[in-house]
N, C-alpha and C. Protein backbone atom coordinates (compact mmCIF):
# COMPACT_ATOMS: atom_id res chain seq x y z
N MET A 1 0.81 -1.19 0.00
CA MET A 1 0.00 0.00 0.00
C MET A 1 0.87 1.26 0.00
N LYS A 2 1.97 1.23 0.79
CA LYS A 2 2.86 2.37 0.88
C LYS A 2 3.42 2.75 -0.49
N ARG A 3 3.77 1.73 -1.26
CA ARG A 3 4.36 1.94 -2.57
C ARG A 3 3.38 2.68 -3.50
N TYR A 4 2.09 2.32 -3.42
CA TYR A 4 1.09 2.98 -4.26
C TYR A 4 0.92 4.44 -3.86
N VAL A 5 1.04 4.73 -2.58
CA VAL A 5 0.95 6.11 -2.12
C VAL A 5 2.13 6.90 -2.68
N TYR A 6 3.34 6.31 -2.67
CA TYR A 6 4.53 6.97 -3.23
C TYR A 6 4.34 7.24 -4.71
N ILE A 7 3.82 6.27 -5.42
CA ILE A 7 3.60 6.43 -6.85
C ILE A 7 2.59 7.53 -7.12
N LEU A 8 1.53 7.58 -6.33
CA LEU A 8 0.51 8.62 -6.49
C LEU A 8 1.12 10.00 -6.25
N PHE A 9 1.90 10.14 -5.17
CA PHE A 9 2.55 11.42 -4.89
C PHE A 9 3.52 11.80 -6.00
N ALA A 10 4.27 10.84 -6.50
CA ALA A 10 5.23 11.11 -7.59
C ALA A 10 4.49 11.57 -8.84
N LEU A 11 3.38 10.93 -9.13
CA LEU A 11 2.59 11.31 -10.30
C LEU A 11 2.07 12.73 -10.16
N LEU A 12 1.54 13.06 -8.99
CA LEU A 12 1.03 14.41 -8.76
C LEU A 12 2.15 15.44 -8.82
N ALA A 13 3.31 15.10 -8.30
CA ALA A 13 4.44 16.03 -8.32
C ALA A 13 4.91 16.27 -9.75
N THR A 14 4.95 15.22 -10.56
CA THR A 14 5.43 15.38 -11.93
C THR A 14 4.44 16.13 -12.80
N LEU A 15 3.16 16.06 -12.46
CA LEU A 15 2.17 16.81 -13.24
C LEU A 15 2.36 18.31 -13.06
N SER A 16 2.90 18.70 -11.91
CA SER A 16 3.09 20.13 -11.65
C SER A 16 4.38 20.66 -12.27
N ILE A 17 5.26 19.77 -12.71
CA ILE A 17 6.52 20.21 -13.31
C ILE A 17 6.29 20.48 -14.79
N GLN A 18 6.64 21.66 -15.22
CA GLN A 18 6.52 21.97 -16.64
C GLN A 18 7.88 21.76 -17.26
N THR A 19 7.96 20.82 -18.19
CA THR A 19 9.23 20.50 -18.82
C THR A 19 9.35 21.21 -20.16
N GLN A 20 9.39 22.54 -20.08
CA GLN A 20 9.53 23.33 -21.28
C GLN A 20 11.00 23.53 -21.58
N ARG A 21 11.30 23.68 -22.85
CA ARG A 21 12.66 24.01 -23.27
C ARG A 21 12.88 25.49 -22.99
N PRO A 22 14.09 25.87 -22.64
CA PRO A 22 14.36 27.28 -22.41
C PRO A 22 14.03 28.10 -23.67
N GLN A 23 13.57 29.32 -23.45
CA GLN A 23 13.18 30.17 -24.57
C GLN A 23 14.38 30.39 -25.49
N GLY A 24 14.16 30.23 -26.79
CA GLY A 24 15.23 30.42 -27.77
C GLY A 24 16.06 29.17 -28.02
N ALA A 25 15.78 28.08 -27.31
CA ALA A 25 16.56 26.86 -27.51
C ALA A 25 16.20 26.24 -28.85
N GLU A 26 17.19 25.66 -29.48
CA GLU A 26 16.97 25.01 -30.76
C GLU A 26 17.46 23.58 -30.67
N MET A 27 16.97 22.75 -31.56
CA MET A 27 17.43 21.37 -31.62
C MET A 27 18.88 21.37 -32.06
N ARG A 28 19.69 20.60 -31.37
CA ARG A 28 21.10 20.47 -31.74
C ARG A 28 21.25 19.18 -32.53
N GLU A 29 21.94 19.26 -33.63
CA GLU A 29 22.16 18.08 -34.45
C GLU A 29 23.62 17.99 -34.81
N ASN A 30 24.09 16.77 -35.04
CA ASN A 30 25.47 16.61 -35.46
C ASN A 30 25.57 16.77 -36.96
N MET A 31 26.70 16.45 -37.53
CA MET A 31 26.93 16.62 -38.97
C MET A 31 25.94 15.81 -39.80
N ASP A 32 25.48 14.66 -39.29
CA ASP A 32 24.53 13.83 -40.03
C ASP A 32 23.14 14.46 -40.03
N GLY A 33 22.86 15.34 -39.07
CA GLY A 33 21.58 16.01 -39.03
C GLY A 33 20.48 15.23 -38.32
N ASP A 34 20.81 14.06 -37.71
CA ASP A 34 19.74 13.29 -37.09
C ASP A 34 20.07 12.80 -35.68
N HIS A 35 21.22 13.11 -35.17
CA HIS A 35 21.62 12.64 -33.84
C HIS A 35 21.22 13.65 -32.77
N ARG A 36 20.56 13.17 -31.75
CA ARG A 36 20.21 14.03 -30.62
C ARG A 36 21.05 13.62 -29.43
N LEU A 37 21.56 14.59 -28.75
CA LEU A 37 22.41 14.37 -27.58
C LEU A 37 21.51 14.08 -26.38
N THR A 38 21.69 12.92 -25.74
CA THR A 38 20.84 12.54 -24.61
C THR A 38 21.65 12.05 -23.42
N VAL A 39 21.03 12.16 -22.26
CA VAL A 39 21.52 11.55 -21.02
C VAL A 39 20.45 10.55 -20.62
N SER A 40 20.86 9.31 -20.39
CA SER A 40 19.88 8.27 -20.07
C SER A 40 20.39 7.40 -18.93
N GLY A 41 19.50 6.57 -18.40
CA GLY A 41 19.87 5.67 -17.32
C GLY A 41 18.65 4.92 -16.81
N ARG A 42 18.85 4.21 -15.72
CA ARG A 42 17.78 3.42 -15.10
C ARG A 42 17.87 3.60 -13.60
N VAL A 43 16.71 3.78 -12.94
CA VAL A 43 16.67 4.01 -11.50
C VAL A 43 16.00 2.80 -10.83
N ILE A 44 16.71 2.25 -9.82
CA ILE A 44 16.26 1.05 -9.10
C ILE A 44 16.19 1.36 -7.61
N ASP A 45 15.15 0.87 -6.94
CA ASP A 45 15.00 0.97 -5.48
C ASP A 45 16.01 0.03 -4.82
N THR A 46 16.84 0.56 -3.91
CA THR A 46 17.87 -0.26 -3.28
C THR A 46 17.30 -1.38 -2.41
N GLU A 47 16.18 -1.14 -1.72
CA GLU A 47 15.62 -2.15 -0.83
C GLU A 47 14.89 -3.26 -1.57
N LEU A 48 13.98 -2.88 -2.45
CA LEU A 48 13.15 -3.86 -3.14
C LEU A 48 13.78 -4.41 -4.41
N ARG A 49 14.84 -3.72 -4.88
CA ARG A 49 15.51 -4.11 -6.14
C ARG A 49 14.53 -4.09 -7.32
N GLU A 50 13.57 -3.15 -7.26
CA GLU A 50 12.58 -3.00 -8.32
C GLU A 50 12.77 -1.65 -8.99
N PRO A 51 12.32 -1.53 -10.25
CA PRO A 51 12.43 -0.25 -10.95
C PRO A 51 11.62 0.83 -10.25
N MET A 52 12.15 2.04 -10.22
CA MET A 52 11.43 3.19 -9.68
C MET A 52 10.56 3.75 -10.80
N VAL A 53 9.26 3.69 -10.63
CA VAL A 53 8.32 4.16 -11.63
C VAL A 53 7.93 5.61 -11.32
N LEU A 54 7.94 6.45 -12.32
CA LEU A 54 7.54 7.85 -12.23
C LEU A 54 8.41 8.71 -11.30
N ALA A 55 9.69 8.36 -11.19
CA ALA A 55 10.61 9.24 -10.46
C ALA A 55 10.88 10.45 -11.36
N SER A 56 11.00 11.61 -10.77
CA SER A 56 11.24 12.85 -11.51
C SER A 56 12.73 12.99 -11.80
N VAL A 57 13.07 13.29 -13.06
CA VAL A 57 14.46 13.46 -13.47
C VAL A 57 14.59 14.86 -14.08
N GLN A 58 15.47 15.68 -13.51
CA GLN A 58 15.65 17.05 -13.98
C GLN A 58 17.11 17.29 -14.32
N MET A 59 17.36 18.09 -15.35
CA MET A 59 18.73 18.41 -15.75
C MET A 59 18.91 19.93 -15.77
N PHE A 60 20.02 20.39 -15.18
CA PHE A 60 20.34 21.80 -15.06
C PHE A 60 21.75 22.05 -15.58
N ARG A 61 22.01 23.25 -16.10
CA ARG A 61 23.38 23.64 -16.44
C ARG A 61 24.15 23.79 -15.13
N ALA A 62 25.35 23.25 -15.08
CA ALA A 62 26.14 23.29 -13.84
C ALA A 62 26.58 24.71 -13.50
N LYS A 63 26.88 25.53 -14.51
CA LYS A 63 27.43 26.86 -14.22
C LYS A 63 26.44 27.84 -13.61
N ASP A 64 25.15 27.72 -13.97
CA ASP A 64 24.19 28.70 -13.45
C ASP A 64 22.87 28.09 -13.00
N SER A 65 22.79 26.77 -12.95
CA SER A 65 21.60 26.04 -12.49
C SER A 65 20.35 26.30 -13.33
N THR A 66 20.53 26.68 -14.59
CA THR A 66 19.40 26.87 -15.49
C THR A 66 18.79 25.52 -15.85
N PHE A 67 17.48 25.40 -15.71
CA PHE A 67 16.78 24.16 -16.06
C PHE A 67 16.84 23.97 -17.57
N VAL A 68 17.29 22.79 -18.02
CA VAL A 68 17.39 22.53 -19.46
C VAL A 68 16.53 21.37 -19.94
N GLY A 69 16.01 20.56 -19.03
CA GLY A 69 15.15 19.46 -19.46
C GLY A 69 14.71 18.60 -18.30
N GLY A 70 13.68 17.82 -18.55
CA GLY A 70 13.17 16.95 -17.51
C GLY A 70 12.38 15.80 -18.07
N SER A 71 12.17 14.80 -17.24
CA SER A 71 11.44 13.61 -17.65
C SER A 71 11.01 12.86 -16.39
N VAL A 72 10.32 11.76 -16.58
CA VAL A 72 10.02 10.84 -15.48
C VAL A 72 10.43 9.44 -15.94
N THR A 73 10.70 8.58 -14.98
CA THR A 73 11.08 7.22 -15.32
C THR A 73 9.85 6.43 -15.78
N ASP A 74 10.08 5.48 -16.67
CA ASP A 74 8.97 4.66 -17.19
C ASP A 74 8.74 3.44 -16.29
N LEU A 75 7.94 2.50 -16.74
CA LEU A 75 7.61 1.31 -15.95
C LEU A 75 8.82 0.42 -15.64
N SER A 76 9.88 0.57 -16.43
CA SER A 76 11.11 -0.20 -16.21
C SER A 76 12.15 0.61 -15.45
N GLY A 77 11.81 1.83 -15.06
CA GLY A 77 12.74 2.69 -14.34
C GLY A 77 13.68 3.46 -15.25
N ASN A 78 13.49 3.37 -16.57
CA ASN A 78 14.36 4.03 -17.53
C ASN A 78 13.97 5.49 -17.75
N PHE A 79 14.98 6.31 -18.06
CA PHE A 79 14.73 7.70 -18.42
C PHE A 79 15.69 8.13 -19.52
N SER A 80 15.32 9.17 -20.23
CA SER A 80 16.16 9.76 -21.26
C SER A 80 15.80 11.23 -21.37
N ILE A 81 16.80 12.09 -21.31
CA ILE A 81 16.59 13.53 -21.41
C ILE A 81 17.46 14.06 -22.53
N GLU A 82 16.87 14.87 -23.40
CA GLU A 82 17.62 15.49 -24.48
C GLU A 82 18.41 16.67 -23.93
N ALA A 83 19.70 16.69 -24.21
CA ALA A 83 20.56 17.79 -23.76
C ALA A 83 20.62 18.87 -24.84
N PRO A 84 20.77 20.13 -24.44
CA PRO A 84 20.82 21.22 -25.41
C PRO A 84 22.14 21.30 -26.17
N GLY A 85 23.13 20.55 -25.75
CA GLY A 85 24.44 20.57 -26.40
C GLY A 85 25.50 20.06 -25.45
N ASN A 86 26.75 20.20 -25.85
CA ASN A 86 27.87 19.78 -25.00
C ASN A 86 27.95 20.69 -23.78
N GLY A 87 28.56 20.18 -22.71
CA GLY A 87 28.74 20.99 -21.51
C GLY A 87 28.66 20.15 -20.26
N ILE A 88 28.68 20.83 -19.14
CA ILE A 88 28.60 20.18 -17.83
C ILE A 88 27.21 20.46 -17.26
N PHE A 89 26.54 19.38 -16.85
CA PHE A 89 25.17 19.48 -16.35
C PHE A 89 25.05 18.78 -15.01
N LYS A 90 24.03 19.17 -14.25
CA LYS A 90 23.68 18.49 -13.01
C LYS A 90 22.37 17.77 -13.23
N LEU A 91 22.33 16.51 -12.86
CA LEU A 91 21.13 15.70 -12.99
C LEU A 91 20.60 15.45 -11.58
N LYS A 92 19.30 15.67 -11.38
CA LYS A 92 18.69 15.44 -10.07
C LYS A 92 17.50 14.51 -10.25
N ILE A 93 17.50 13.41 -9.49
CA ILE A 93 16.43 12.43 -9.55
C ILE A 93 15.75 12.40 -8.19
N THR A 94 14.43 12.59 -8.19
CA THR A 94 13.68 12.63 -6.93
C THR A 94 12.41 11.79 -7.02
N SER A 95 12.00 11.30 -5.87
CA SER A 95 10.74 10.59 -5.74
C SER A 95 10.31 10.71 -4.29
N VAL A 96 9.03 10.87 -4.05
CA VAL A 96 8.51 11.04 -2.70
C VAL A 96 8.89 9.83 -1.85
N GLY A 97 9.45 10.08 -0.67
CA GLY A 97 9.84 9.02 0.25
C GLY A 97 11.22 8.45 0.00
N PHE A 98 11.98 9.06 -0.94
CA PHE A 98 13.31 8.59 -1.27
C PHE A 98 14.30 9.74 -1.24
N GLN A 99 15.57 9.42 -0.94
CA GLN A 99 16.61 10.43 -0.93
C GLN A 99 16.95 10.81 -2.37
N PRO A 100 17.11 12.09 -2.65
CA PRO A 100 17.44 12.51 -4.02
C PRO A 100 18.80 11.98 -4.47
N ILE A 101 18.92 11.76 -5.76
CA ILE A 101 20.20 11.40 -6.37
C ILE A 101 20.64 12.60 -7.18
N GLU A 102 21.90 13.02 -7.01
CA GLU A 102 22.44 14.11 -7.82
C GLU A 102 23.73 13.63 -8.46
N ARG A 103 23.86 13.88 -9.76
CA ARG A 103 25.05 13.48 -10.51
C ARG A 103 25.47 14.64 -11.41
N GLU A 104 26.77 14.80 -11.56
CA GLU A 104 27.29 15.75 -12.53
C GLU A 104 27.60 14.97 -13.81
N VAL A 105 27.14 15.50 -14.93
CA VAL A 105 27.29 14.83 -16.21
C VAL A 105 28.02 15.77 -17.16
N THR A 106 29.10 15.28 -17.79
CA THR A 106 29.83 16.07 -18.77
C THR A 106 29.62 15.46 -20.15
N LEU A 107 29.10 16.26 -21.06
CA LEU A 107 28.88 15.81 -22.43
C LEU A 107 29.92 16.49 -23.32
N ARG A 108 30.66 15.67 -24.08
CA ARG A 108 31.71 16.17 -24.96
C ARG A 108 31.59 15.52 -26.33
N ARG A 109 32.12 16.20 -27.30
CA ARG A 109 32.21 15.67 -28.68
C ARG A 109 30.89 15.15 -29.20
N ASN A 110 29.80 15.80 -28.83
CA ASN A 110 28.46 15.41 -29.30
C ASN A 110 28.15 13.94 -29.06
N GLN A 111 28.60 13.41 -27.92
CA GLN A 111 28.33 12.02 -27.58
C GLN A 111 27.34 11.95 -26.43
N SER A 112 26.29 11.16 -26.61
CA SER A 112 25.31 10.93 -25.56
C SER A 112 25.94 10.14 -24.44
N GLN A 113 25.32 10.16 -23.28
CA GLN A 113 25.88 9.43 -22.14
C GLN A 113 24.81 8.60 -21.46
N ASP A 114 25.12 7.32 -21.25
CA ASP A 114 24.26 6.41 -20.51
C ASP A 114 24.86 6.24 -19.12
N LEU A 115 24.12 6.63 -18.10
CA LEU A 115 24.63 6.56 -16.72
C LEU A 115 24.49 5.18 -16.11
N GLY A 116 23.88 4.25 -16.82
CA GLY A 116 23.70 2.90 -16.30
C GLY A 116 22.62 2.86 -15.24
N THR A 117 22.77 1.95 -14.27
CA THR A 117 21.78 1.79 -13.22
C THR A 117 22.14 2.65 -12.01
N LEU A 118 21.20 3.45 -11.58
CA LEU A 118 21.36 4.30 -10.40
C LEU A 118 20.45 3.77 -9.31
N MET A 119 21.00 3.61 -8.11
CA MET A 119 20.25 3.08 -6.98
C MET A 119 19.73 4.23 -6.12
N ILE A 120 18.43 4.21 -5.80
CA ILE A 120 17.83 5.24 -4.98
C ILE A 120 17.40 4.62 -3.65
N SER A 121 17.74 5.27 -2.56
CA SER A 121 17.47 4.76 -1.21
C SER A 121 16.25 5.42 -0.60
N SER A 122 15.50 4.67 0.19
CA SER A 122 14.34 5.25 0.85
C SER A 122 14.81 6.24 1.90
N ASP A 123 13.96 7.22 2.16
CA ASP A 123 14.27 8.25 3.15
C ASP A 123 14.00 7.65 4.53
N ALA A 124 14.96 7.73 5.42
CA ALA A 124 14.85 7.11 6.74
C ALA A 124 13.85 7.83 7.63
N GLU A 125 13.52 9.08 7.34
CA GLU A 125 12.63 9.85 8.19
C GLU A 125 11.25 10.04 7.55
N LEU A 126 10.51 8.98 7.40
CA LEU A 126 9.15 9.06 6.87
C LEU A 126 8.18 9.43 7.97
N LEU A 127 7.20 10.23 7.64
CA LEU A 127 6.18 10.58 8.63
C LEU A 127 5.23 9.41 8.83
N GLN A 128 4.79 9.22 10.03
CA GLN A 128 3.90 8.10 10.33
C GLN A 128 2.48 8.41 9.90
């Protein structure tokens, strides 16, 4: 039952997040004209060893914390966010009742990055 409450809260939280592209942003393409630069990965609950469904994933520029993209994890815990270009970014993954995950991601030479499996831990201080 607790898990369904977490999923409901996560769903409500993600509905309030507007994942708009920054004003003036354009699609970045490589020389072939069809490659999109992405950051992807999978989020797993450390205790249950199950995929985290509907966890919020946000990406910010490291230099000024400007929001550049966002997504939620799917039924398998996977996510993918399109990056605006090369650079250093901060990735923040959150879900109600769990400790946030923060990672710094550096994108170079127009190469996408797969972060692999990220483990998210439950928050020890849950309200009764």
